[in-house]
């Protein structure tokens, strides 16, 4: 196991661990990994779990020390040290990371403004009606949400910062948090000649274009047999479970990694969960309404549930995931009827 040491919490590494080491080259012909100190490690099978890093915001002022990216524990701790009641925080990006930062800062008494280029929050993953529920929850708690706006520069302004927007407006802030996605760490794989396409391309068994090299976690663009397509996920559950599944394959098992993608987030008193991964919510079935304290929304494709969202309705998620994995048509009327138990529809 080679680890460059970032975030390591091990006082004494077990035998076979290389803490503080960096792999710099994969020699596929000789089946060896070369480390930065010149030493080499031979392999019969190689697993790459190089993860992803925060996508940098390439605008003037994006590298100011008062600008924070949140990807790991260290990033979160540095940001927490700066958050105080009454301070002004600007958040660029209204995805899961950005909105979680905003909710945390608001509860600590900060004045928060969230800026999003897309016309709605969580635009890549939620239908507009659910996105508005999330945005409204933030506004009720005191956060300002501005969508459809581009940030062109971050400039010093006295003791603080000024964010210059595309329309000429400016936003004052003491610090800025940026969450605009993640970039997979594919450099080592690409240099070795492996197929890379927004991640290391692997099959359902985690095999790359080289059958001796496997990959798992955020760095992979993997084929999901349940969805029938390849995708890249940035979620702890996928990284954990895919790593376990691929390790078993490398040890001789023949079971593919096949799970319904699942995400969750807690913001204020709202728990939002999502299963599946769809490009559009064009066939939604509501189990409840957006004004209810809790509700569930399913996305159908030819009558088959392919994704689901629960808001303060977590008890539905277990059966929603079963319905998606089952991949059989469901009567939309029964799905929308809260008098019908979801558990009964999974049979």
Protein backbone atom coordinates (compact mmCIF):
# COMPACT_ATOMS: atom_id res chain seq x y z
CA UNK A 1 0.00 0.00 0.00
CA UNK A 2 1.51 3.29 -1.12
CA UNK A 3 0.26 6.48 0.57
CA UNK A 4 1.70 9.95 0.07
CA UNK A 5 0.92 10.58 3.74
CA UNK A 6 -1.66 13.35 3.44
CA UNK A 7 -4.17 12.91 6.22
CA UNK A 8 -2.41 9.80 7.55
CA UNK A 9 -3.29 9.02 11.14
CA UNK A 10 -1.05 5.96 11.54
CA UNK A 11 1.81 6.35 14.01
CA UNK A 12 3.59 3.24 12.79
CA UNK A 13 2.82 1.79 9.39
CA UNK A 14 2.23 -1.99 9.16
CA UNK A 15 4.56 -4.05 7.06
CA UNK A 16 3.83 -3.51 3.38
CA UNK A 17 2.71 0.10 3.85
CA UNK A 18 4.71 2.92 2.29
CA UNK A 19 3.57 6.07 4.10
CA UNK A 20 5.00 9.33 2.84
CA UNK A 21 5.79 7.70 -0.51
CA UNK A 22 4.53 8.81 -3.91
CA UNK A 23 4.02 6.57 -6.93
CA UNK A 24 5.32 8.37 -10.02
CA UNK A 25 5.21 5.77 -12.78
CA UNK A 26 3.55 2.47 -13.70
CA UNK A 27 5.60 0.18 -15.93
CA UNK A 28 2.91 -2.08 -17.34
CA UNK A 29 5.35 -4.26 -19.28
CA UNK A 30 7.47 -5.12 -16.24
CA UNK A 31 4.45 -4.85 -13.90
CA UNK A 32 6.22 -2.53 -11.52
CA UNK A 33 5.36 0.73 -9.77
CA UNK A 34 8.19 3.22 -9.40
CA UNK A 35 8.21 5.52 -6.38
CA UNK A 36 9.57 9.05 -6.15
CA UNK A 37 12.70 7.83 -4.31
CA UNK A 38 13.55 5.55 -7.24
CA UNK A 39 12.54 2.27 -5.59
CA UNK A 40 10.16 -0.09 -7.33
CA UNK A 41 7.35 -2.41 -6.24
CA UNK A 42 6.40 -5.42 -8.33
CA UNK A 43 2.76 -6.42 -8.77
CA UNK A 44 0.65 -9.20 -10.21
CA UNK A 45 -2.49 -7.10 -9.77
CA UNK A 46 -2.57 -3.37 -9.11
CA UNK A 47 -5.41 -1.33 -7.60
CA UNK A 48 -5.55 2.42 -8.16
CA UNK A 49 -7.58 4.41 -5.60
CA UNK A 50 -6.13 7.84 -6.24
CA UNK A 51 -9.43 9.63 -5.60
CA UNK A 52 -10.29 13.14 -6.70
CA UNK A 53 -9.36 16.69 -5.80
CA UNK A 54 -11.34 19.90 -5.64
CA UNK A 55 -11.85 21.52 -9.01
CA UNK A 56 -10.14 24.90 -8.91
CA UNK A 57 -11.97 28.06 -9.85
CA UNK A 58 -9.74 29.70 -12.46
CA UNK A 59 -10.65 33.37 -12.02
CA UNK A 60 -8.54 36.31 -10.79
CA UNK A 61 -8.24 36.04 -7.02
CA UNK A 62 -9.20 32.36 -6.90
CA UNK A 63 -5.93 31.56 -5.13
CA UNK A 64 -6.31 34.19 -2.38
CA UNK A 65 -5.54 32.66 1.06
CA UNK A 66 -8.99 33.72 2.21
CA UNK A 67 -10.54 31.46 -0.42
CA UNK A 68 -11.25 27.92 0.78
CA UNK A 69 -11.92 24.69 -1.07
CA UNK A 70 -13.53 21.83 0.84
CA UNK A 71 -12.58 18.30 -0.13
CA UNK A 72 -11.21 16.58 2.97
CA UNK A 73 -11.07 16.86 6.75
CA UNK A 74 -8.13 19.26 6.71
CA UNK A 75 -9.99 21.63 4.38
CA UNK A 76 -13.03 21.55 6.67
CA UNK A 77 -10.96 22.23 9.78
CA UNK A 78 -9.23 25.21 8.18
CA UNK A 79 -12.57 26.67 7.16
CA UNK A 80 -14.10 26.06 10.59
CA UNK A 81 -11.28 27.99 12.24
CA UNK A 82 -12.26 31.08 10.25
CA UNK A 83 -16.03 30.88 10.73
CA UNK A 84 -17.31 33.24 13.44
CA UNK A 85 -20.67 34.80 14.24
CA UNK A 86 -21.36 37.97 12.26
CA UNK A 87 -18.73 37.37 9.58
CA UNK A 88 -19.64 37.44 5.88
CA UNK A 89 -19.16 34.22 3.95
CA UNK A 90 -19.67 33.92 0.20
CA UNK A 91 -20.17 30.41 -1.16
CA UNK A 92 -19.55 29.79 -4.86
CA UNK A 93 -21.41 26.73 -6.07
CA UNK A 94 -24.81 25.47 -4.90
CA UNK A 95 -24.10 21.76 -5.06
CA UNK A 96 -24.14 19.45 -2.04
CA UNK A 97 -20.78 20.70 -0.72
CA UNK A 98 -21.57 24.39 -1.12
CA UNK A 99 -25.00 24.14 0.47
CA UNK A 100 -23.73 22.06 3.40
CA UNK A 101 -21.07 24.70 4.06
CA UNK A 102 -23.73 27.42 3.84
CA UNK A 103 -26.05 25.66 6.29
CA UNK A 104 -23.24 25.07 8.78
CA UNK A 105 -22.08 28.68 8.59
CA UNK A 106 -25.61 30.05 9.05
CA UNK A 107 -26.13 27.95 12.17
CA UNK A 108 -22.90 29.44 13.54
CA UNK A 109 -24.20 32.97 13.03
CA UNK A 110 -22.43 33.92 9.81
CA UNK A 111 -24.00 36.06 7.08
CA UNK A 112 -24.03 33.77 4.05
CA UNK A 113 -24.50 34.46 0.34
CA UNK A 114 -24.57 31.51 -2.06
CA UNK A 115 -23.77 32.20 -5.74
CA UNK A 116 -24.67 29.66 -8.42
CA UNK A 117 -24.15 29.87 -12.19
CA UNK A 118 -27.05 27.52 -12.97
CA UNK A 119 -30.68 28.67 -12.75
CA UNK A 120 -31.34 26.52 -9.66
CA UNK A 121 -29.50 24.96 -6.74
CA UNK A 122 -28.42 21.34 -7.16
CA UNK A 123 -29.26 21.71 -10.82
CA UNK A 124 -27.47 18.55 -11.93
CA UNK A 125 -29.37 16.23 -9.61
CA UNK A 126 -32.78 17.62 -8.56
CA UNK A 127 -35.98 18.54 -10.40
CA UNK A 128 -36.81 22.24 -10.18
CA UNK A 129 -39.66 21.81 -7.68
CA UNK A 130 -37.45 19.96 -5.18
CA UNK A 131 -34.57 22.37 -5.75
CA UNK A 132 -36.88 25.23 -4.80
CA UNK A 133 -37.77 23.44 -1.54
CA UNK A 134 -34.05 23.29 -0.71
CA UNK A 135 -33.44 26.93 -1.67
CA UNK A 136 -36.48 28.07 0.33
CA UNK A 137 -35.18 26.24 3.41
CA UNK A 138 -31.91 28.15 3.15
CA UNK A 139 -33.65 31.49 2.68
CA UNK A 140 -35.92 30.89 5.68
CA UNK A 141 -32.84 30.30 7.79
CA UNK A 142 -31.22 33.55 6.64
CA UNK A 143 -28.97 32.60 3.73
CA UNK A 144 -29.12 34.62 0.54
CA UNK A 145 -29.32 32.41 -2.57
CA UNK A 146 -28.49 34.00 -5.93
CA UNK A 147 -28.76 31.78 -9.02
CA UNK A 148 -27.96 32.42 -12.67
CA UNK A 149 -24.94 34.52 -11.78
CA UNK A 150 -21.28 34.25 -12.79
CA UNK A 151 -18.41 35.26 -10.52
CA UNK A 152 -15.72 36.93 -12.63
CA UNK A 153 -13.15 37.89 -10.01
CA UNK A 154 -12.36 37.90 -6.30
CA UNK A 155 -10.64 41.13 -5.29
CA UNK A 156 -9.14 42.55 -2.08
CA UNK A 157 -11.35 45.23 -0.51
CA UNK A 158 -10.00 46.73 2.71
CA UNK A 159 -9.70 43.95 5.25
CA UNK A 160 -12.03 41.71 3.27
CA UNK A 161 -12.88 40.62 -0.24
CA UNK A 162 -15.15 41.75 -3.03
CA UNK A 163 -16.66 39.31 -5.53
CA UNK A 164 -17.25 40.92 -8.91
CA UNK A 165 -20.22 39.39 -10.73
CA UNK A 166 -20.95 39.15 -14.43
CA UNK A 167 -23.61 41.83 -14.39
CA UNK A 168 -21.33 44.36 -12.71
CA UNK A 169 -22.70 43.84 -9.19
CA UNK A 170 -20.38 43.11 -6.28
CA UNK A 171 -20.70 41.02 -3.12
CA UNK A 172 -18.67 41.77 0.02
CA UNK A 173 -17.20 38.89 2.01
CA UNK A 174 -14.64 38.18 4.70
CA UNK A 175 -13.89 34.73 3.29
CA UNK A 176 -15.04 32.66 0.31
CA UNK A 177 -15.80 28.94 0.14
CA UNK A 178 -15.79 27.27 -3.27
CA UNK A 179 -17.49 24.01 -4.18
CA UNK A 180 -17.58 23.58 -7.95
CA UNK A 181 -17.05 19.86 -8.27
CA UNK A 182 -14.14 17.46 -8.18
CA UNK A 183 -11.48 16.45 -10.67
CA UNK A 184 -10.40 12.77 -10.69
CA UNK A 185 -6.70 12.13 -10.10
CA UNK A 186 -6.08 10.25 -13.34
CA UNK A 187 -2.60 11.53 -14.15
CA UNK A 188 -0.76 8.35 -13.09
CA UNK A 189 -3.18 6.14 -15.04
CA UNK A 190 -3.11 8.34 -18.14
CA UNK A 191 0.69 8.40 -18.19
CA UNK A 192 0.62 4.59 -18.07
CA UNK A 193 -1.59 4.51 -21.16
CA UNK A 194 -4.80 3.37 -19.47
CA UNK A 195 -8.11 4.49 -20.97
CA UNK A 196 -9.27 7.68 -19.21
CA UNK A 197 -12.53 9.53 -19.80
CA UNK A 198 -13.53 11.76 -16.88
CA UNK A 199 -12.03 9.06 -14.67
CA UNK A 200 -10.22 5.78 -15.14
CA UNK A 201 -12.55 3.70 -17.30
CA UNK A 202 -13.27 0.32 -15.68
CA UNK A 203 -15.86 -2.43 -16.12
CA UNK A 204 -18.24 -3.74 -13.48
CA UNK A 205 -15.37 -5.77 -12.00
CA UNK A 206 -13.13 -2.73 -11.64
CA UNK A 207 -10.79 -3.79 -14.46
CA UNK A 208 -9.18 -1.04 -16.49
CA UNK A 209 -8.05 -1.33 -20.12
CA UNK A 210 -5.11 -3.31 -18.69
CA UNK A 211 -6.53 -6.55 -17.16
CA UNK A 212 -3.84 -6.52 -14.45
CA UNK A 213 -4.77 -3.02 -13.25
CA UNK A 214 -7.96 -2.26 -11.32
CA UNK A 215 -9.37 0.98 -9.94
CA UNK A 216 -12.03 1.94 -7.40
CA UNK A 217 -13.61 5.01 -5.85
CA UNK A 218 -13.95 8.63 -6.97
CA UNK A 219 -11.28 8.23 -9.66
CA UNK A 220 -13.27 5.67 -11.66
CA UNK A 221 -15.76 5.93 -14.46
CA UNK A 222 -17.26 2.51 -13.89
CA UNK A 223 -19.95 0.48 -15.60
CA UNK A 224 -23.01 -0.11 -13.40
CA UNK A 225 -25.01 -3.20 -14.50
CA UNK A 226 -28.14 -1.97 -12.71
CA UNK A 227 -28.15 1.33 -14.61
CA UNK A 228 -26.81 -0.13 -17.84
CA UNK A 229 -24.26 2.62 -18.30
CA UNK A 230 -20.97 4.01 -17.02
CA UNK A 231 -20.76 6.87 -14.56
CA UNK A 232 -18.40 8.53 -12.10
CA UNK A 233 -19.58 9.09 -8.54
CA UNK A 234 -18.22 11.29 -5.77
CA UNK A 235 -19.69 9.75 -2.62
CA UNK A 236 -18.20 7.98 0.37
CA UNK A 237 -20.54 5.00 0.08
CA UNK A 238 -19.51 4.30 -3.49
CA UNK A 239 -15.80 4.65 -2.65
CA UNK A 240 -16.13 2.31 0.33
CA UNK A 241 -18.31 -0.36 -1.24
CA UNK A 242 -16.67 -0.37 -4.64
CA UNK A 243 -13.27 -0.75 -2.98
CA UNK A 244 -14.53 -3.76 -1.02
CA UNK A 245 -16.13 -5.35 -4.09
CA UNK A 246 -13.08 -4.89 -6.32
CA UNK A 247 -10.72 -6.21 -3.63
CA UNK A 248 -12.81 -9.41 -3.61
CA UNK A 249 -12.54 -9.65 -7.40
CA UNK A 250 -8.75 -9.29 -7.16
CA UNK A 251 -8.77 -12.10 -4.59
CA UNK A 252 -10.61 -14.43 -6.98
CA UNK A 253 -14.30 -13.65 -6.65
CA UNK A 254 -16.44 -13.12 -9.73
CA UNK A 255 -19.20 -10.84 -8.42
CA UNK A 256 -19.55 -7.45 -10.17
CA UNK A 257 -19.98 -4.21 -8.26
CA UNK A 258 -23.66 -3.47 -8.79
CA UNK A 259 -25.34 -1.03 -6.40
CA UNK A 260 -27.96 1.64 -6.81
CA UNK A 261 -26.12 4.95 -6.25
CA UNK A 262 -27.25 6.61 -3.02
CA UNK A 263 -26.48 10.05 -1.60
CA UNK A 264 -27.68 11.98 1.42
CA UNK A 265 -27.27 15.43 2.94
CA UNK A 266 -28.40 17.12 6.15
CA UNK A 267 -29.01 20.88 5.98
CA UNK A 268 -30.65 22.63 8.94
CA UNK A 269 -33.60 20.38 9.91
CA UNK A 270 -33.84 18.90 6.41
CA UNK A 271 -32.62 15.44 5.45
CA UNK A 272 -32.50 14.89 1.70
CA UNK A 273 -31.64 11.52 0.17
CA UNK A 274 -31.34 10.50 -3.44
CA UNK A 275 -31.03 7.12 -5.14
CA UNK A 276 -30.18 6.46 -8.77
CA UNK A 277 -28.52 8.77 -11.28
CA UNK A 278 -30.57 10.30 -14.08
CA UNK A 279 -29.93 13.06 -16.59
CA UNK A 280 -33.45 14.51 -16.35
CA UNK A 281 -36.52 14.36 -14.12
CA UNK A 282 -39.02 14.31 -16.99
CA UNK A 283 -41.36 11.57 -15.72
CA UNK A 284 -41.71 12.33 -11.99
CA UNK A 285 -44.24 10.73 -9.67
CA UNK A 286 -44.85 12.58 -6.40
CA UNK A 287 -45.65 10.72 -3.22
CA UNK A 288 -46.88 13.76 -1.33
CA UNK A 289 -46.42 17.42 -2.26
CA UNK A 290 -43.62 19.97 -2.02
CA UNK A 291 -45.49 21.74 0.79
CA UNK A 292 -45.66 18.61 2.96
CA UNK A 293 -43.22 18.26 5.90
CA UNK A 294 -41.85 15.17 4.14
CA UNK A 295 -42.32 13.73 0.67
CA UNK A 296 -40.86 11.36 -1.93
CA UNK A 297 -40.41 11.81 -5.68
CA UNK A 298 -39.76 8.97 -8.13
CA UNK A 299 -38.44 9.27 -11.66
CA UNK A 300 -39.85 6.67 -14.06
CA UNK A 301 -38.58 5.49 -17.43
CA UNK A 302 -41.21 3.55 -19.37
CA UNK A 303 -42.94 2.90 -16.04
CA UNK A 304 -39.80 1.60 -14.31
CA UNK A 305 -38.50 3.51 -11.25
CA UNK A 306 -34.93 4.66 -12.05
CA UNK A 307 -34.36 7.30 -9.36
CA UNK A 308 -35.93 8.61 -6.17
CA UNK A 309 -35.64 11.56 -3.81
CA UNK A 310 -36.83 11.72 -0.21
CA UNK A 311 -37.07 14.93 1.81
CA UNK A 312 -37.55 14.31 5.54
CA UNK A 313 -39.03 10.97 4.55
CA UNK A 314 -36.09 8.61 4.98
CA UNK A 315 -38.26 5.57 5.70
CA UNK A 316 -39.16 5.46 1.99
CA UNK A 317 -35.56 5.29 0.78
CA UNK A 318 -34.88 1.64 1.57
CA UNK A 319 -37.82 0.50 -0.54
CA UNK A 320 -37.14 3.09 -3.24
CA UNK A 321 -33.69 1.59 -3.74
CA UNK A 322 -35.21 -1.89 -3.91
CA UNK A 323 -37.68 -0.74 -6.57
CA UNK A 324 -34.87 0.75 -8.65
CA UNK A 325 -32.73 -2.40 -8.35
CA UNK A 326 -35.77 -4.56 -9.18
CA UNK A 327 -36.07 -2.71 -12.52
CA UNK A 328 -39.71 -3.66 -13.17
CA UNK A 329 -42.65 -1.42 -14.10
CA UNK A 330 -44.77 -0.07 -11.26
CA UNK A 331 -48.26 1.38 -11.46
CA UNK A 332 -47.70 5.17 -11.12
CA UNK A 333 -51.01 5.59 -9.31
CA UNK A 334 -50.02 3.04 -6.68
CA UNK A 335 -46.59 4.65 -6.37
CA UNK A 336 -48.18 8.06 -5.71
CA UNK A 337 -50.75 6.72 -3.23
CA UNK A 338 -49.44 7.04 0.32
CA UNK A 339 -52.04 4.53 1.44
CA UNK A 340 -50.13 1.90 -0.57
CA UNK A 341 -47.02 0.66 1.22
CA UNK A 342 -43.85 0.88 -0.87
CA UNK A 343 -42.79 -2.40 0.67
CA UNK A 344 -45.75 -4.10 -1.03
CA UNK A 345 -44.67 -2.73 -4.42
CA UNK A 346 -41.25 -4.38 -4.13
CA UNK A 347 -42.75 -7.89 -4.17
